[in-house]
């Protein structure tokens, strides 16, 4: 085992709550099961009959219907049904800790952190408008986690570090 510290990436006044799993679930089993289901959905072409598009004139998102299924509705393994039976500790409010800029000590384990009323920031834009390309977005934000430009295949597990 080891230990770590959690700190918000910015000074914030949002409400933070944290709880931890009382035992470590089988994350590798959940990942394997989720990957299998995703593969089956891809082979069956079970996508969405719509996409979300941005209307620049009205500054609003809208649902654009499509005559064919696009994308693959795969979920991160963190949301797989095999993990539904996790027993959690009671939630603890750590808002004051973060408001003071103090780190929160965490032991090894699986944690659920809820940030309430987090204000979303304006989407990153390129000179041509909205940045719809993941890699372009990553370049502008300097993330080291999703910067492989050699693959344009989206893998839902690329976002696990964000979750």
Protein backbone atom coordinates (compact mmCIF):
# COMPACT_ATOMS: atom_id res chain seq x y z
CA UNK A 1 0.00 0.00 0.00
CA UNK A 2 0.85 3.61 -0.14
CA UNK A 3 -0.79 6.92 0.40
CA UNK A 4 -1.60 9.97 -1.59
CA UNK A 5 -3.05 13.42 -1.48
CA UNK A 6 -5.95 14.84 -3.43
CA UNK A 7 -6.07 18.49 -4.32
CA UNK A 8 -8.41 20.36 -6.62
CA UNK A 9 -6.69 21.75 -9.72
CA UNK A 10 -7.81 25.28 -8.79
CA UNK A 11 -9.02 27.33 -5.83
CA UNK A 12 -12.71 26.63 -5.67
CA UNK A 13 -15.84 27.18 -3.64
CA UNK A 14 -17.89 24.30 -5.07
CA UNK A 15 -19.19 21.64 -2.68
CA UNK A 16 -17.03 18.49 -2.55
CA UNK A 17 -18.04 15.17 -1.03
CA UNK A 18 -15.96 12.01 -0.95
CA UNK A 19 -16.57 8.37 -0.10
CA UNK A 20 -14.54 5.21 -0.61
CA UNK A 21 -15.29 1.60 -1.46
CA UNK A 22 -15.10 -0.60 1.64
CA UNK A 23 -13.43 -3.30 -0.48
CA UNK A 24 -11.68 -3.11 -3.82
CA UNK A 25 -14.02 -4.37 -6.58
CA UNK A 26 -12.84 -6.45 -9.54
CA UNK A 27 -12.01 -3.55 -11.87
CA UNK A 28 -10.13 -5.77 -14.32
CA UNK A 29 -13.16 -8.08 -14.58
CA UNK A 30 -15.45 -5.08 -15.13
CA UNK A 31 -13.11 -3.71 -17.81
CA UNK A 32 -13.01 -7.07 -19.59
CA UNK A 33 -16.82 -7.42 -19.47
CA UNK A 34 -17.36 -3.83 -20.68
CA UNK A 35 -14.86 -4.26 -23.52
CA UNK A 36 -16.66 -7.44 -24.65
CA UNK A 37 -20.06 -5.73 -24.63
CA UNK A 38 -18.66 -2.75 -26.52
CA UNK A 39 -17.13 -5.04 -29.15
CA UNK A 40 -20.49 -6.81 -29.61
CA UNK A 41 -22.29 -3.47 -29.96
CA UNK A 42 -19.77 -2.33 -32.59
CA UNK A 43 -20.15 -5.54 -34.61
CA UNK A 44 -23.96 -5.18 -34.47
CA UNK A 45 -23.64 -1.49 -35.49
CA UNK A 46 -25.69 -0.39 -32.51
CA UNK A 47 -24.99 3.33 -32.62
CA UNK A 48 -27.10 6.41 -32.05
CA UNK A 49 -29.67 7.66 -34.63
CA UNK A 50 -28.56 11.26 -33.97
CA UNK A 51 -25.58 13.47 -33.21
CA UNK A 52 -25.24 16.70 -31.26
CA UNK A 53 -24.37 19.75 -33.34
CA UNK A 54 -23.71 23.34 -32.31
CA UNK A 55 -25.71 26.20 -33.85
CA UNK A 56 -23.32 29.17 -33.85
CA UNK A 57 -26.02 31.69 -34.75
CA UNK A 58 -28.25 30.78 -31.81
CA UNK A 59 -25.37 29.65 -29.56
CA UNK A 60 -27.18 26.41 -28.74
CA UNK A 61 -26.66 22.67 -29.08
CA UNK A 62 -29.30 20.71 -30.95
CA UNK A 63 -29.93 17.07 -31.78
CA UNK A 64 -29.47 16.25 -35.49
CA UNK A 65 -31.35 13.10 -36.53
CA UNK A 66 -29.61 10.69 -38.88
CA UNK A 67 -30.97 7.94 -41.11
CA UNK A 68 -28.17 5.63 -39.96
CA UNK A 69 -26.71 4.73 -36.60
CA UNK A 70 -23.50 6.59 -35.84
CA UNK A 71 -21.01 6.14 -33.06
CA UNK A 72 -20.99 3.30 -30.56
CA UNK A 73 -22.86 3.68 -27.28
CA UNK A 74 -20.17 2.16 -25.07
CA UNK A 75 -19.80 3.01 -21.41
CA UNK A 76 -16.64 3.28 -19.37
CA UNK A 77 -16.00 0.12 -17.38
CA UNK A 78 -16.40 2.28 -14.26
CA UNK A 79 -20.15 2.26 -14.97
CA UNK A 80 -20.45 -1.45 -15.79
CA UNK A 81 -23.21 -3.37 -14.01
CA UNK A 82 -20.70 -5.74 -12.40
CA UNK A 83 -19.69 -2.81 -10.18
CA UNK A 84 -23.26 -2.04 -9.03
CA UNK A 85 -22.81 -3.90 -5.74
CA UNK A 86 -19.93 -1.83 -4.36
CA UNK A 87 -20.37 -1.11 -0.67
CA UNK A 88 -19.40 2.49 0.03
CA UNK A 89 -18.46 4.35 3.19
CA UNK A 90 -20.67 7.24 4.20
CA UNK A 91 -20.05 10.49 2.32
CA UNK A 92 -17.84 13.10 3.91
CA UNK A 93 -18.02 16.81 3.08
CA UNK A 94 -14.52 18.08 2.25
CA UNK A 95 -15.59 21.48 0.92
CA UNK A 96 -13.86 23.42 3.70
CA UNK A 97 -10.61 21.50 3.19
CA UNK A 98 -10.47 22.51 -0.46
CA UNK A 99 -11.71 26.06 0.19
CA UNK A 100 -8.70 26.50 2.47
CA UNK A 101 -6.40 25.10 -0.21
CA UNK A 102 -5.48 22.13 1.99
CA UNK A 103 -4.74 18.71 0.53
CA UNK A 104 -6.95 15.74 1.42
CA UNK A 105 -5.00 12.64 2.50
CA UNK A 106 -6.20 9.47 0.76
CA UNK A 107 -5.19 5.86 1.34
CA UNK A 108 -5.10 3.31 -1.50
CA UNK A 109 -8.58 2.46 -2.73
CA UNK A 110 -11.47 3.36 -5.00
CA UNK A 111 -13.02 6.76 -4.32
CA UNK A 112 -16.10 8.58 -5.49
CA UNK A 113 -15.74 12.35 -5.46
CA UNK A 114 -18.80 14.48 -6.18
CA UNK A 115 -18.35 18.14 -7.11
CA UNK A 116 -21.64 20.03 -6.89
CA UNK A 117 -22.40 23.18 -8.88
CA UNK A 118 -19.18 23.05 -10.86
CA UNK A 119 -19.36 25.86 -13.39
CA UNK A 120 -18.52 24.68 -16.88
CA UNK A 121 -16.11 26.77 -18.90
CA UNK A 122 -16.58 27.89 -22.49
CA UNK A 123 -15.56 25.20 -24.97
CA UNK A 124 -12.13 25.62 -26.54
CA UNK A 125 -12.38 27.03 -30.05
CA UNK A 126 -10.00 27.05 -32.98
CA UNK A 127 -9.85 29.84 -35.60
CA UNK A 128 -12.32 27.79 -37.66
CA UNK A 129 -14.79 27.59 -34.77
CA UNK A 130 -15.54 24.86 -32.26
CA UNK A 131 -12.79 22.31 -31.66
CA UNK A 132 -14.46 18.99 -32.34
CA UNK A 133 -11.20 17.07 -32.62
CA UNK A 134 -10.09 15.49 -29.35
CA UNK A 135 -6.41 15.85 -30.16
CA UNK A 136 -6.76 19.52 -31.07
CA UNK A 137 -8.49 20.05 -27.71
CA UNK A 138 -5.73 18.20 -25.87
CA UNK A 139 -3.01 20.25 -27.58
CA UNK A 140 -4.66 23.48 -26.45
CA UNK A 141 -5.06 22.22 -22.88
CA UNK A 142 -1.71 20.48 -22.52
CA UNK A 143 -3.03 17.16 -21.19
CA UNK A 144 -0.43 14.37 -21.12
CA UNK A 145 -3.09 11.63 -20.92
CA UNK A 146 -4.73 11.61 -24.38
CA UNK A 147 -2.12 12.83 -26.82
CA UNK A 148 -1.66 9.88 -29.20
CA UNK A 149 -2.33 11.36 -32.64
CA UNK A 150 -1.46 8.09 -34.37
CA UNK A 151 -4.88 6.67 -33.54
CA UNK A 152 -8.15 8.37 -34.37
CA UNK A 153 -10.14 5.48 -32.88
CA UNK A 154 -11.94 6.76 -29.78
CA UNK A 155 -11.64 4.42 -26.81
CA UNK A 156 -13.99 5.23 -23.93
CA UNK A 157 -11.29 4.12 -21.50
CA UNK A 158 -9.08 7.02 -22.67
CA UNK A 159 -11.31 9.19 -20.48
CA UNK A 160 -10.93 7.12 -17.31
CA UNK A 161 -8.37 9.53 -15.85
CA UNK A 162 -10.92 12.33 -16.20
CA UNK A 163 -13.62 10.36 -14.43
